[in-house]
Amino acid sequence: MTLTGAVFTFPGGLAAGFAALITTGLSWSLVGIVMGGAPRRNVDTGLVQFAGAIVTLTISIITVFSLKNAPEWGNTLPVLCYFFTGVINYTMLQLMSLAMQKGPNGVIWGMIQSGTVCPFLMGVIFFDVSPTVWRLTGLVMLIAALFAFGSTKPESGGGAKKQWLPLTLLAFCMCGFQQCLTSMPSYFEDFRTMSPVVRALLVATGTLTVSLTVLLVKCYRFRTNIFREQVKKTDFWRYVIMLQFFGLIAAYFLTYNGMDTLAEAGMGAVSYPLMVASCIVGFSFYSIVWLREKNCWQQYLAFAMCLSGIICLCIVY
């Protein structure tokens, strides 16, 4: 089976779909690495997102116009979903970056990514996803993990909780909403014909819109050309290239095709939990090995509950 809406053909089957989404999830760890590490090197994360959106938009437009058969744009609903995905994702990442400067990166990443409970609940409530015992157990474990993350003692997590916890909780809500918007079109057969390149283009348009607005406000308020200062830094371009290289590969070849494959098989609610589990594992490894963050038993328990809950959500029966 091949998804005809894709610009690049994608071999069907659940095994290929699962592999695509796991790889996508691991690549998401780079987002956490950039959002947490860029400010430490005086690199503006908003500008990184702005430059990245320009790269994605440019490549996507060139790709669309170079095709003999122009890909379908779909209806208004998916267009709006993907556009506002970009808007909300930009805001969520900015909040996450602020929180990571004040608290434990691994805990903050785990809490925000627990927003995957939202697309799961959307699938159960609106799209007839079966609320099996395993899935309900996974939902309870994810909620318990969220509370366990939030009750981390400051001395074990680093940073006063009153500084990073509200930012993290707000980013968690935005993460859940953004995942719902991204998942929704895959539940409709007619919308699955939309090309992954067009989807990436729409998300980039949303990101570019909000990031350009913020950039102009900053330039006017502080009477300075932030972009001119940032482009001179090697780290700035390193972060942009890091995100866009892997991000475009995932968007064009893996993410949307994998989500469509699972949704077509009646497992659409599994897509985000699968990707989130992968990115939590990847970023947790980074925070422990590279950042050398010291975690207490409560944090390890929260990570275990989070991953176990996500695995339960992926069980079909």
C-alpha atoms as a PDB file:
ATOM      1  CA  MET A   1       0.000   0.000   0.000  1.00  0.00           C
ATOM      2  CA  THR A   2       1.184   3.492  -0.801  1.00  0.00           C
ATOM      3  CA  LEU A   3      -0.301   6.724   0.500  1.00  0.00           C
ATOM      4  CA  THR A   4      -1.213   8.542  -2.689  1.00  0.00           C
ATOM      5  CA  GLY A   5      -1.264  11.947  -1.039  1.00  0.00           C
ATOM      6  CA  ALA A   6       2.434  11.773  -0.291  1.00  0.00           C
ATOM      7  CA  VAL A   7       4.914  13.454  -2.570  1.00  0.00           C
ATOM      8  CA  PHE A   8       7.403  10.761  -1.632  1.00  0.00           C
ATOM      9  CA  THR A   9       5.957   7.256  -1.708  1.00  0.00           C
ATOM     10  CA  PHE A  10       5.883   5.505   1.626  1.00  0.00           C
ATOM     11  CA  PRO A  11       5.806   1.713   2.026  1.00  0.00           C
ATOM     12  CA  GLY A  12       2.713   0.812   4.020  1.00  0.00           C
ATOM     13  CA  GLY A  13       2.196  -1.620   6.820  1.00  0.00           C
ATOM     14  CA  LEU A  14       2.142  -1.095  10.559  1.00  0.00           C
ATOM     15  CA  ALA A  15       5.798  -2.087  10.967  1.00  0.00           C
ATOM     16  CA  ALA A  16       6.896   0.716   8.635  1.00  0.00           C
ATOM     17  CA  GLY A  17       4.522   3.144  10.336  1.00  0.00           C
ATOM     18  CA  PHE A  18       5.811   2.304  13.805  1.00  0.00           C
ATOM     19  CA  ALA A  19       9.445   2.573  12.666  1.00  0.00           C
ATOM     20  CA  ALA A  20       8.803   5.959  11.052  1.00  0.00           C
ATOM     21  CA  LEU A  21       7.193   7.403  14.185  1.00  0.00           C
ATOM     22  CA  ILE A  22       9.841   6.040  16.556  1.00  0.00           C
ATOM     23  CA  THR A  23      12.569   7.619  14.411  1.00  0.00           C
ATOM     24  CA  THR A  24      10.626  10.891  14.375  1.00  0.00           C
ATOM     25  CA  GLY A  25      10.339  10.824  18.160  1.00  0.00           C
ATOM     26  CA  LEU A  26      14.064  10.314  18.625  1.00  0.00           C
ATOM     27  CA  SER A  27      14.740  13.282  16.324  1.00  0.00           C
ATOM     28  CA  TRP A  28      12.472  15.428  18.518  1.00  0.00           C
ATOM     29  CA  SER A  29      15.055  15.173  21.273  1.00  0.00           C
ATOM     30  CA  LEU A  30      17.077  17.687  19.261  1.00  0.00           C
ATOM     31  CA  VAL A  31      14.336  20.263  19.844  1.00  0.00           C
ATOM     32  CA  GLY A  32      14.772  19.958  23.603  1.00  0.00           C
ATOM     33  CA  ILE A  33      18.549  20.105  23.251  1.00  0.00           C
ATOM     34  CA  VAL A  34      18.363  23.323  21.200  1.00  0.00           C
ATOM     35  CA  MET A  35      15.687  25.027  23.317  1.00  0.00           C
ATOM     36  CA  GLY A  36      17.602  24.258  26.499  1.00  0.00           C
ATOM     37  CA  GLY A  37      21.124  24.865  25.199  1.00  0.00           C
ATOM     38  CA  ALA A  38      20.775  27.875  22.891  1.00  0.00           C
ATOM     39  CA  PRO A  39      20.114  30.492  25.629  1.00  0.00           C
ATOM     40  CA  ARG A  40      23.223  29.323  27.497  1.00  0.00           C
ATOM     41  CA  ARG A  41      25.217  30.386  24.429  1.00  0.00           C
ATOM     42  CA  ASN A  42      23.288  33.672  24.097  1.00  0.00           C
ATOM     43  CA  VAL A  43      21.435  32.434  21.030  1.00  0.00           C
ATOM     44  CA  ASP A  44      17.849  33.670  20.656  1.00  0.00           C
ATOM     45  CA  THR A  45      15.549  30.622  20.374  1.00  0.00           C
ATOM     46  CA  GLY A  46      12.783  32.661  18.766  1.00  0.00           C
ATOM     47  CA  LEU A  47      15.146  33.721  16.011  1.00  0.00           C
ATOM     48  CA  VAL A  48      16.281  30.118  15.559  1.00  0.00           C
ATOM     49  CA  GLN A  49      12.647  29.170  14.975  1.00  0.00           C
ATOM     50  CA  PHE A  50      12.178  32.136  12.621  1.00  0.00           C
ATOM     51  CA  ALA A  51      15.198  31.215  10.492  1.00  0.00           C
ATOM     52  CA  GLY A  52      14.203  27.568  10.543  1.00  0.00           C
ATOM     53  CA  ALA A  53      10.699  28.412   9.322  1.00  0.00           C
ATOM     54  CA  ILE A  54      12.192  30.351   6.392  1.00  0.00           C
ATOM     55  CA  VAL A  55      14.345  27.346   5.461  1.00  0.00           C
ATOM     56  CA  THR A  56      11.388  24.933   5.629  1.00  0.00           C
ATOM     57  CA  LEU A  57       9.092  27.308   3.744  1.00  0.00           C
ATOM     58  CA  THR A  58      11.636  27.923   0.992  1.00  0.00           C
ATOM     59  CA  ILE A  59      12.452  24.252   0.441  1.00  0.00           C
ATOM     60  CA  SER A  60       8.775  23.263   0.579  1.00  0.00           C
ATOM     61  CA  ILE A  61       7.753  25.905  -1.983  1.00  0.00           C
ATOM     62  CA  ILE A  62      10.570  24.843  -4.336  1.00  0.00           C
ATOM     63  CA  THR A  63       9.555  21.200  -3.918  1.00  0.00           C
ATOM     64  CA  VAL A  64       5.876  21.889  -4.601  1.00  0.00           C
ATOM     65  CA  PHE A  65       6.538  23.914  -7.754  1.00  0.00           C
ATOM     66  CA  SER A  66       9.112  21.439  -9.077  1.00  0.00           C
ATOM     67  CA  LEU A  67       6.599  18.593  -9.103  1.00  0.00           C
ATOM     68  CA  LYS A  68       4.834  17.666 -12.331  1.00  0.00           C
ATOM     69  CA  ASN A  69       1.601  17.002 -10.506  1.00  0.00           C
ATOM     70  CA  ALA A  70       0.914  19.602  -7.848  1.00  0.00           C
ATOM     71  CA  PRO A  71      -0.057  18.009  -4.529  1.00  0.00           C
ATOM     72  CA  GLU A  72      -3.528  18.535  -3.136  1.00  0.00           C
ATOM     73  CA  TRP A  73      -4.007  21.238  -0.524  1.00  0.00           C
ATOM     74  CA  GLY A  74      -7.065  19.648   1.002  1.00  0.00           C
ATOM     75  CA  ASN A  75      -9.935  21.529   2.630  1.00  0.00           C
ATOM     76  CA  THR A  76     -10.037  24.463   5.014  1.00  0.00           C
ATOM     77  CA  LEU A  77      -9.949  22.363   8.205  1.00  0.00           C
ATOM     78  CA  PRO A  78      -6.531  20.714   7.679  1.00  0.00           C
ATOM     79  CA  VAL A  79      -5.070  23.990   6.379  1.00  0.00           C
ATOM     80  CA  LEU A  80      -6.101  25.768   9.582  1.00  0.00           C
ATOM     81  CA  CYS A  81      -5.002  22.840  11.761  1.00  0.00           C
ATOM     82  CA  TYR A  82      -1.465  22.794  10.392  1.00  0.00           C
ATOM     83  CA  PHE A  83      -1.134  26.587  10.296  1.00  0.00           C
ATOM     84  CA  PHE A  84      -2.098  26.969  13.955  1.00  0.00           C
ATOM     85  CA  THR A  85       0.085  23.981  14.814  1.00  0.00           C
ATOM     86  CA  GLY A  86       3.021  26.165  13.792  1.00  0.00           C
ATOM     87  CA  VAL A  87       1.751  29.146  15.787  1.00  0.00           C
ATOM     88  CA  ILE A  88       1.156  27.155  18.976  1.00  0.00           C
ATOM     89  CA  ASN A  89       4.329  25.095  18.635  1.00  0.00           C
ATOM     90  CA  TYR A  90       6.438  28.273  18.468  1.00  0.00           C
ATOM     91  CA  THR A  91       4.847  29.617  21.650  1.00  0.00           C
ATOM     92  CA  MET A  92       5.127  26.299  23.445  1.00  0.00           C
ATOM     93  CA  LEU A  93       8.833  25.965  22.633  1.00  0.00           C
ATOM     94  CA  GLN A  94       9.543  29.486  23.834  1.00  0.00           C
ATOM     95  CA  LEU A  95       7.858  28.747  27.165  1.00  0.00           C
ATOM     96  CA  MET A  96       9.764  25.473  27.421  1.00  0.00           C
ATOM     97  CA  SER A  97      13.051  27.239  26.760  1.00  0.00           C
ATOM     98  CA  LEU A  98      12.347  29.750  29.558  1.00  0.00           C
ATOM     99  CA  ALA A  99      11.433  26.946  31.948  1.00  0.00           C
ATOM    100  CA  MET A 100      14.600  25.015  31.092  1.00  0.00           C
ATOM    101  CA  GLN A 101      16.735  27.989  32.113  1.00  0.00           C
ATOM    102  CA  LYS A 102      15.188  27.875  35.574  1.00  0.00           C
ATOM    103  CA  GLY A 103      14.687  24.180  36.321  1.00  0.00           C
ATOM    104  CA  PRO A 104      15.668  20.557  35.557  1.00  0.00           C
ATOM    105  CA  ASN A 105      15.647  20.015  31.799  1.00  0.00           C
ATOM    106  CA  GLY A 106      14.802  16.312  31.920  1.00  0.00           C
ATOM    107  CA  VAL A 107      11.839  16.785  34.253  1.00  0.00           C
ATOM    108  CA  ILE A 108      10.499  19.748  32.276  1.00  0.00           C
ATOM    109  CA  TRP A 109      10.768  17.834  29.003  1.00  0.00           C
ATOM    110  CA  GLY A 110       8.973  14.822  30.480  1.00  0.00           C
ATOM    111  CA  MET A 111       6.155  16.945  31.907  1.00  0.00           C
ATOM    112  CA  ILE A 112       5.542  18.862  28.694  1.00  0.00           C
ATOM    113  CA  GLN A 113       5.623  15.756  26.517  1.00  0.00           C
ATOM    114  CA  SER A 114       3.009  14.176  28.796  1.00  0.00           C
ATOM    115  CA  GLY A 115       0.609  16.419  26.888  1.00  0.00           C
ATOM    116  CA  THR A 116       0.192  13.366  24.656  1.00  0.00           C
ATOM    117  CA  VAL A 117      -2.783  12.458  26.874  1.00  0.00           C
ATOM    118  CA  CYS A 118      -4.735  15.151  24.995  1.00  0.00           C
ATOM    119  CA  PRO A 119      -4.716  13.629  21.469  1.00  0.00           C
ATOM    120  CA  PHE A 120      -5.443  10.247  23.033  1.00  0.00           C
ATOM    121  CA  LEU A 121      -8.524  11.635  24.806  1.00  0.00           C
ATOM    122  CA  MET A 122      -9.553  13.381  21.589  1.00  0.00           C
ATOM    123  CA  GLY A 123      -9.387  10.061  19.743  1.00  0.00           C
ATOM    124  CA  VAL A 124     -11.486   8.313  22.381  1.00  0.00           C
ATOM    125  CA  ILE A 125     -14.116  11.053  22.713  1.00  0.00           C
ATOM    126  CA  PHE A 126     -14.516  12.159  19.091  1.00  0.00           C
ATOM    127  CA  PHE A 127     -13.095   9.463  16.788  1.00  0.00           C
ATOM    128  CA  ASP A 128     -14.241   6.141  18.248  1.00  0.00           C
ATOM    129  CA  VAL A 129     -10.831   5.036  19.488  1.00  0.00           C
ATOM    130  CA  SER A 130     -11.509   2.109  21.803  1.00  0.00           C
ATOM    131  CA  PRO A 131     -10.827   2.961  25.507  1.00  0.00           C
ATOM    132  CA  THR A 132      -9.488  -0.459  26.420  1.00  0.00           C
ATOM    133  CA  VAL A 133      -8.316  -1.412  29.910  1.00  0.00           C
ATOM    134  CA  TRP A 134      -4.691  -1.087  28.795  1.00  0.00           C
ATOM    135  CA  ARG A 135      -5.243   2.378  27.369  1.00  0.00           C
ATOM    136  CA  LEU A 136      -7.136   3.613  30.408  1.00  0.00           C
ATOM    137  CA  THR A 137      -4.343   2.240  32.587  1.00  0.00           C
ATOM    138  CA  GLY A 138      -1.837   4.146  30.450  1.00  0.00           C
ATOM    139  CA  LEU A 139      -3.869   7.326  30.829  1.00  0.00           C
ATOM    140  CA  VAL A 140      -3.909   7.005  34.624  1.00  0.00           C
ATOM    141  CA  MET A 141      -0.156   6.332  34.699  1.00  0.00           C
ATOM    142  CA  LEU A 142       0.572   9.391  32.561  1.00  0.00           C
ATOM    143  CA  ILE A 143      -1.477  11.620  34.834  1.00  0.00           C
ATOM    144  CA  ALA A 144       0.252  10.129  37.887  1.00  0.00           C
ATOM    145  CA  ALA A 145       3.641  10.739  36.238  1.00  0.00           C
ATOM    146  CA  LEU A 146       2.688  14.350  35.621  1.00  0.00           C
ATOM    147  CA  PHE A 147       1.907  14.854  39.311  1.00  0.00           C
ATOM    148  CA  ALA A 148       5.129  13.069  40.285  1.00  0.00           C
ATOM    149  CA  PHE A 149       7.172  15.327  38.011  1.00  0.00           C
ATOM    150  CA  GLY A 150       5.444  18.394  39.411  1.00  0.00           C
ATOM    151  CA  SER A 151       6.095  17.435  43.034  1.00  0.00           C
ATOM    152  CA  THR A 152       9.861  17.163  42.489  1.00  0.00           C
ATOM    153  CA  LYS A 153      11.768  18.818  45.311  1.00  0.00           C
ATOM    154  CA  PRO A 154      13.762  21.908  44.255  1.00  0.00           C
ATOM    155  CA  GLU A 155      16.998  20.554  45.658  1.00  0.00           C
ATOM    156  CA  SER A 156      16.764  17.427  43.544  1.00  0.00           C
ATOM    157  CA  GLY A 157      15.615  19.192  40.398  1.00  0.00           C
ATOM    158  CA  GLY A 158      17.513  22.459  40.501  1.00  0.00           C
ATOM    159  CA  GLY A 159      15.814  25.835  40.541  1.00  0.00           C
ATOM    160  CA  ALA A 160      12.902  27.142  42.571  1.00  0.00           C
ATOM    161  CA  LYS A 161       9.686  25.403  41.578  1.00  0.00           C
ATOM    162  CA  LYS A 162       7.731  28.638  41.533  1.00  0.00           C
ATOM    163  CA  GLN A 163       9.940  29.804  38.658  1.00  0.00           C
ATOM    164  CA  TRP A 164       9.751  26.846  36.274  1.00  0.00           C
ATOM    165  CA  LEU A 165       6.605  24.919  37.202  1.00  0.00           C
ATOM    166  CA  PRO A 166       3.953  27.440  35.968  1.00  0.00           C
ATOM    167  CA  LEU A 167       5.806  27.849  32.668  1.00  0.00           C
ATOM    168  CA  THR A 168       6.032  24.087  32.289  1.00  0.00           C
ATOM    169  CA  LEU A 169       2.343  23.517  33.005  1.00  0.00           C
ATOM    170  CA  LEU A 170       1.330  26.175  30.481  1.00  0.00           C
ATOM    171  CA  ALA A 171       3.647  24.620  27.887  1.00  0.00           C
ATOM    172  CA  PHE A 172       2.114  21.214  28.727  1.00  0.00           C
ATOM    173  CA  CYS A 173      -1.369  22.542  27.862  1.00  0.00           C
ATOM    174  CA  MET A 174      -0.115  24.052  24.611  1.00  0.00           C
ATOM    175  CA  CYS A 175       1.709  20.848  23.718  1.00  0.00           C
ATOM    176  CA  GLY A 176      -1.492  18.840  24.148  1.00  0.00           C
ATOM    177  CA  PHE A 177      -3.542  21.264  22.041  1.00  0.00           C
ATOM    178  CA  GLN A 178      -0.893  21.385  19.337  1.00  0.00           C
ATOM    179  CA  GLN A 179      -0.777  17.586  19.150  1.00  0.00           C
ATOM    180  CA  CYS A 180      -4.560  17.453  18.824  1.00  0.00           C
ATOM    181  CA  LEU A 181      -4.455  19.878  15.892  1.00  0.00           C
ATOM    182  CA  THR A 182      -1.721  17.858  14.174  1.00  0.00           C
ATOM    183  CA  SER A 183      -3.485  14.525  14.699  1.00  0.00           C
ATOM    184  CA  MET A 184      -7.004  15.567  13.717  1.00  0.00           C
ATOM    185  CA  PRO A 185      -6.673  15.608   9.879  1.00  0.00           C
ATOM    186  CA  SER A 186      -5.290  12.055   9.848  1.00  0.00           C
ATOM    187  CA  TYR A 187      -8.623  10.738  11.125  1.00  0.00           C
ATOM    188  CA  PHE A 188     -10.396  11.863   7.923  1.00  0.00           C
ATOM    189  CA  GLU A 189      -9.805   9.821   4.800  1.00  0.00           C
ATOM    190  CA  ASP A 190     -10.265  12.827   2.490  1.00  0.00           C
ATOM    191  CA  PHE A 191      -7.679  14.874   4.396  1.00  0.00           C
ATOM    192  CA  ARG A 192      -5.032  12.139   4.248  1.00  0.00           C
ATOM    193  CA  THR A 193      -4.517  13.016   0.581  1.00  0.00           C
ATOM    194  CA  MET A 194      -2.748  16.227   1.637  1.00  0.00           C
ATOM    195  CA  SER A 195       0.956  15.993   0.841  1.00  0.00           C
ATOM    196  CA  PRO A 196       3.452  15.920   3.745  1.00  0.00           C
ATOM    197  CA  VAL A 197       5.320  18.737   1.965  1.00  0.00           C
ATOM    198  CA  VAL A 198       2.195  20.905   2.001  1.00  0.00           C
ATOM    199  CA  ARG A 199       1.634  20.080   5.665  1.00  0.00           C
ATOM    200  CA  ALA A 200       5.213  21.071   6.513  1.00  0.00           C
ATOM    201  CA  LEU A 201       4.762  24.257   4.461  1.00  0.00           C
ATOM    202  CA  LEU A 202       1.621  25.222   6.395  1.00  0.00           C
ATOM    203  CA  VAL A 203       3.245  24.558   9.785  1.00  0.00           C
ATOM    204  CA  ALA A 204       6.255  26.651   8.749  1.00  0.00           C
ATOM    205  CA  THR A 205       3.924  29.450   7.631  1.00  0.00           C
ATOM    206  CA  GLY A 206       2.321  29.518  11.064  1.00  0.00           C
ATOM    207  CA  THR A 207       5.705  29.535  12.786  1.00  0.00           C
ATOM    208  CA  LEU A 208       7.006  32.265  10.476  1.00  0.00           C
ATOM    209  CA  THR A 209       3.949  34.436  11.072  1.00  0.00           C
ATOM    210  CA  VAL A 210       4.182  34.458  14.854  1.00  0.00           C
ATOM    211  CA  SER A 211       7.998  34.535  15.038  1.00  0.00           C
ATOM    212  CA  LEU A 212       8.215  37.472  12.591  1.00  0.00           C
ATOM    213  CA  THR A 213       5.636  39.363  14.644  1.00  0.00           C
ATOM    214  CA  VAL A 214       7.609  38.798  17.848  1.00  0.00           C
ATOM    215  CA  LEU A 215      10.863  39.750  16.123  1.00  0.00           C
ATOM    216  CA  LEU A 216       9.454  43.036  14.836  1.00  0.00           C
ATOM    217  CA  VAL A 217       8.076  43.893  18.272  1.00  0.00           C
ATOM    218  CA  LYS A 218      11.481  43.200  19.843  1.00  0.00           C
ATOM    219  CA  CYS A 219      13.289  45.335  17.278  1.00  0.00           C
ATOM    220  CA  TYR A 220      10.876  48.219  17.793  1.00  0.00           C
ATOM    221  CA  ARG A 221      10.862  47.956  21.592  1.00  0.00           C
ATOM    222  CA  PHE A 222      14.606  47.635  22.105  1.00  0.00           C
ATOM    223  CA  ARG A 223      15.666  49.707  19.094  1.00  0.00           C
ATOM    224  CA  THR A 224      18.082  47.032  17.969  1.00  0.00           C
ATOM    225  CA  ASN A 225      18.506  44.656  15.050  1.00  0.00           C
ATOM    226  CA  ILE A 226      18.483  41.295  16.809  1.00  0.00           C
ATOM    227  CA  PHE A 227      18.906  39.356  13.577  1.00  0.00           C
ATOM    228  CA  ARG A 228      22.093  41.234  12.643  1.00  0.00           C
ATOM    229  CA  GLU A 229      23.618  40.378  16.017  1.00  0.00           C
ATOM    230  CA  GLN A 230      22.642  36.702  15.934  1.00  0.00           C
ATOM    231  CA  VAL A 231      23.661  35.772  12.377  1.00  0.00           C
ATOM    232  CA  LYS A 232      27.303  36.481  13.238  1.00  0.00           C
ATOM    233  CA  LYS A 233      27.295  33.609  15.710  1.00  0.00           C
ATOM    234  CA  THR A 234      28.357  30.147  14.558  1.00  0.00           C
ATOM    235  CA  ASP A 235      26.179  28.553  17.213  1.00  0.00           C
ATOM    236  CA  PHE A 236      23.096  30.241  15.764  1.00  0.00           C
ATOM    237  CA  TRP A 237      23.525  28.591  12.372  1.00  0.00           C
ATOM    238  CA  ARG A 238      24.526  25.304  13.966  1.00  0.00           C
ATOM    239  CA  TYR A 239      21.228  25.179  15.833  1.00  0.00           C
ATOM    240  CA  VAL A 240      19.199  26.182  12.774  1.00  0.00           C
ATOM    241  CA  ILE A 241      20.823  23.519  10.586  1.00  0.00           C
ATOM    242  CA  MET A 242      20.528  20.903  13.314  1.00  0.00           C
ATOM    243  CA  LEU A 243      16.776  21.399  13.648  1.00  0.00           C
ATOM    244  CA  GLN A 244      15.922  21.813   9.974  1.00  0.00           C
ATOM    245  CA  PHE A 245      18.013  18.970   8.559  1.00  0.00           C
ATOM    246  CA  PHE A 246      16.396  16.321  10.724  1.00  0.00           C
ATOM    247  CA  GLY A 247      13.068  18.153  10.913  1.00  0.00           C
ATOM    248  CA  LEU A 248      12.576  18.217   7.130  1.00  0.00           C
ATOM    249  CA  ILE A 249      13.548  14.581   6.721  1.00  0.00           C
ATOM    250  CA  ALA A 250      11.040  13.613   9.398  1.00  0.00           C
ATOM    251  CA  ALA A 251       8.260  15.826   8.004  1.00  0.00           C
ATOM    252  CA  TYR A 252       8.674  14.809   4.350  1.00  0.00           C
ATOM    253  CA  PHE A 253       9.315  11.099   4.785  1.00  0.00           C
ATOM    254  CA  LEU A 254       8.266   9.922   8.235  1.00  0.00           C
ATOM    255  CA  THR A 255       5.915  11.858  10.536  1.00  0.00           C
ATOM    256  CA  TYR A 256       2.767  12.483   8.513  1.00  0.00           C
ATOM    257  CA  ASN A 257       2.997   9.296   6.463  1.00  0.00           C
ATOM    258  CA  GLY A 258       3.455   7.287   9.646  1.00  0.00           C
ATOM    259  CA  MET A 259       0.495   9.006  11.334  1.00  0.00           C
ATOM    260  CA  ASP A 260      -1.707   8.424   8.287  1.00  0.00           C
ATOM    261  CA  THR A 261      -0.711   4.753   8.146  1.00  0.00           C
ATOM    262  CA  LEU A 262      -1.652   4.154  11.776  1.00  0.00           C
ATOM    263  CA  ALA A 263      -4.852   6.210  11.500  1.00  0.00           C
ATOM    264  CA  GLU A 264      -5.893   4.215   8.437  1.00  0.00           C
ATOM    265  CA  ALA A 265      -5.396   1.033  10.481  1.00  0.00           C
ATOM    266  CA  GLY A 266      -7.615   2.402  13.267  1.00  0.00           C
ATOM    267  CA  MET A 267      -4.662   3.223  15.531  1.00  0.00           C
ATOM    268  CA  GLY A 268      -4.477   6.990  15.096  1.00  0.00           C
ATOM    269  CA  ALA A 269      -4.452   7.633  18.852  1.00  0.00           C
ATOM    270  CA  VAL A 270      -1.217   5.643  19.136  1.00  0.00           C
ATOM    271  CA  SER A 271       0.825   7.943  16.865  1.00  0.00           C
ATOM    272  CA  TYR A 272       1.743  10.709  19.283  1.00  0.00           C
ATOM    273  CA  PRO A 273       2.255   8.457  22.324  1.00  0.00           C
ATOM    274  CA  LEU A 274       4.711   6.409  20.274  1.00  0.00           C
ATOM    275  CA  MET A 275       6.684   9.455  19.144  1.00  0.00           C
ATOM    276  CA  VAL A 276       6.598  11.001  22.613  1.00  0.00           C
ATOM    277  CA  ALA A 277       7.891   7.815  24.271  1.00  0.00           C
ATOM    278  CA  SER A 278      10.834   7.819  21.870  1.00  0.00           C
ATOM    279  CA  CYS A 279      11.685  11.478  22.443  1.00  0.00           C
ATOM    280  CA  ILE A 280      11.436  11.137  26.235  1.00  0.00           C
ATOM    281  CA  VAL A 281      13.889   8.235  26.159  1.00  0.00           C
ATOM    282  CA  GLY A 282      16.253  10.168  23.879  1.00  0.00           C
ATOM    283  CA  PHE A 283      16.200  13.401  25.860  1.00  0.00           C
ATOM    284  CA  SER A 284      16.395  11.659  29.240  1.00  0.00           C
ATOM    285  CA  PHE A 285      19.569   9.954  28.087  1.00  0.00           C
ATOM    286  CA  TYR A 286      20.956  13.333  27.005  1.00  0.00           C
ATOM    287  CA  SER A 287      20.050  15.098  30.270  1.00  0.00           C
ATOM    288  CA  ILE A 288      21.626  12.373  32.404  1.00  0.00           C
ATOM    289  CA  VAL A 289      24.761  11.653  30.350  1.00  0.00           C
ATOM    290  CA  TRP A 290      25.521  15.074  28.816  1.00  0.00           C
ATOM    291  CA  LEU A 291      23.976  17.589  31.214  1.00  0.00           C
ATOM    292  CA  ARG A 292      24.773  15.349  34.209  1.00  0.00           C
ATOM    293  CA  GLU A 293      21.517  16.253  35.914  1.00  0.00           C
ATOM    294  CA  LYS A 294      21.099  14.491  39.227  1.00  0.00           C
ATOM    295  CA  ASN A 295      17.708  12.855  39.581  1.00  0.00           C
ATOM    296  CA  CYS A 296      16.108  11.582  42.772  1.00  0.00           C
ATOM    297  CA  TRP A 297      14.142   8.332  43.059  1.00  0.00           C
ATOM    298  CA  GLN A 298      10.904  10.275  42.606  1.00  0.00           C
ATOM    299  CA  GLN A 299      12.010  11.542  39.211  1.00  0.00           C
ATOM    300  CA  TYR A 300      13.079   8.086  38.040  1.00  0.00           C
ATOM    301  CA  LEU A 301       9.713   6.752  39.188  1.00  0.00           C
ATOM    302  CA  ALA A 302       7.962   9.518  37.239  1.00  0.00           C
ATOM    303  CA  PHE A 303       9.957   8.699  34.098  1.00  0.00           C
ATOM    304  CA  ALA A 304       9.121   5.000  34.500  1.00  0.00           C
ATOM    305  CA  MET A 305       5.404   5.742  34.934  1.00  0.00           C
ATOM    306  CA  CYS A 306       5.457   8.084  31.955  1.00  0.00           C
ATOM    307  CA  LEU A 307       7.032   5.545  29.619  1.00  0.00           C
ATOM    308  CA  SER A 308       4.909   2.688  30.951  1.00  0.00           C
ATOM    309  CA  GLY A 309       1.777   4.760  30.465  1.00  0.00           C
ATOM    310  CA  ILE A 310       2.715   5.587  26.883  1.00  0.00           C
ATOM    311  CA  ILE A 311       3.437   1.926  26.151  1.00  0.00           C
ATOM    312  CA  CYS A 312       0.004   0.995  27.552  1.00  0.00           C
ATOM    313  CA  LEU A 313      -1.618   3.549  25.231  1.00  0.00           C
ATOM    314  CA  CYS A 314       0.008   1.768  22.286  1.00  0.00           C
ATOM    315  CA  ILE A 315      -1.417  -1.663  23.125  1.00  0.00           C
ATOM    316  CA  VAL A 316      -4.167  -2.436  20.659  1.00  0.00           C
ATOM    317  CA  TYR A 317      -6.165  -4.982  22.645  1.00  0.00           C
END
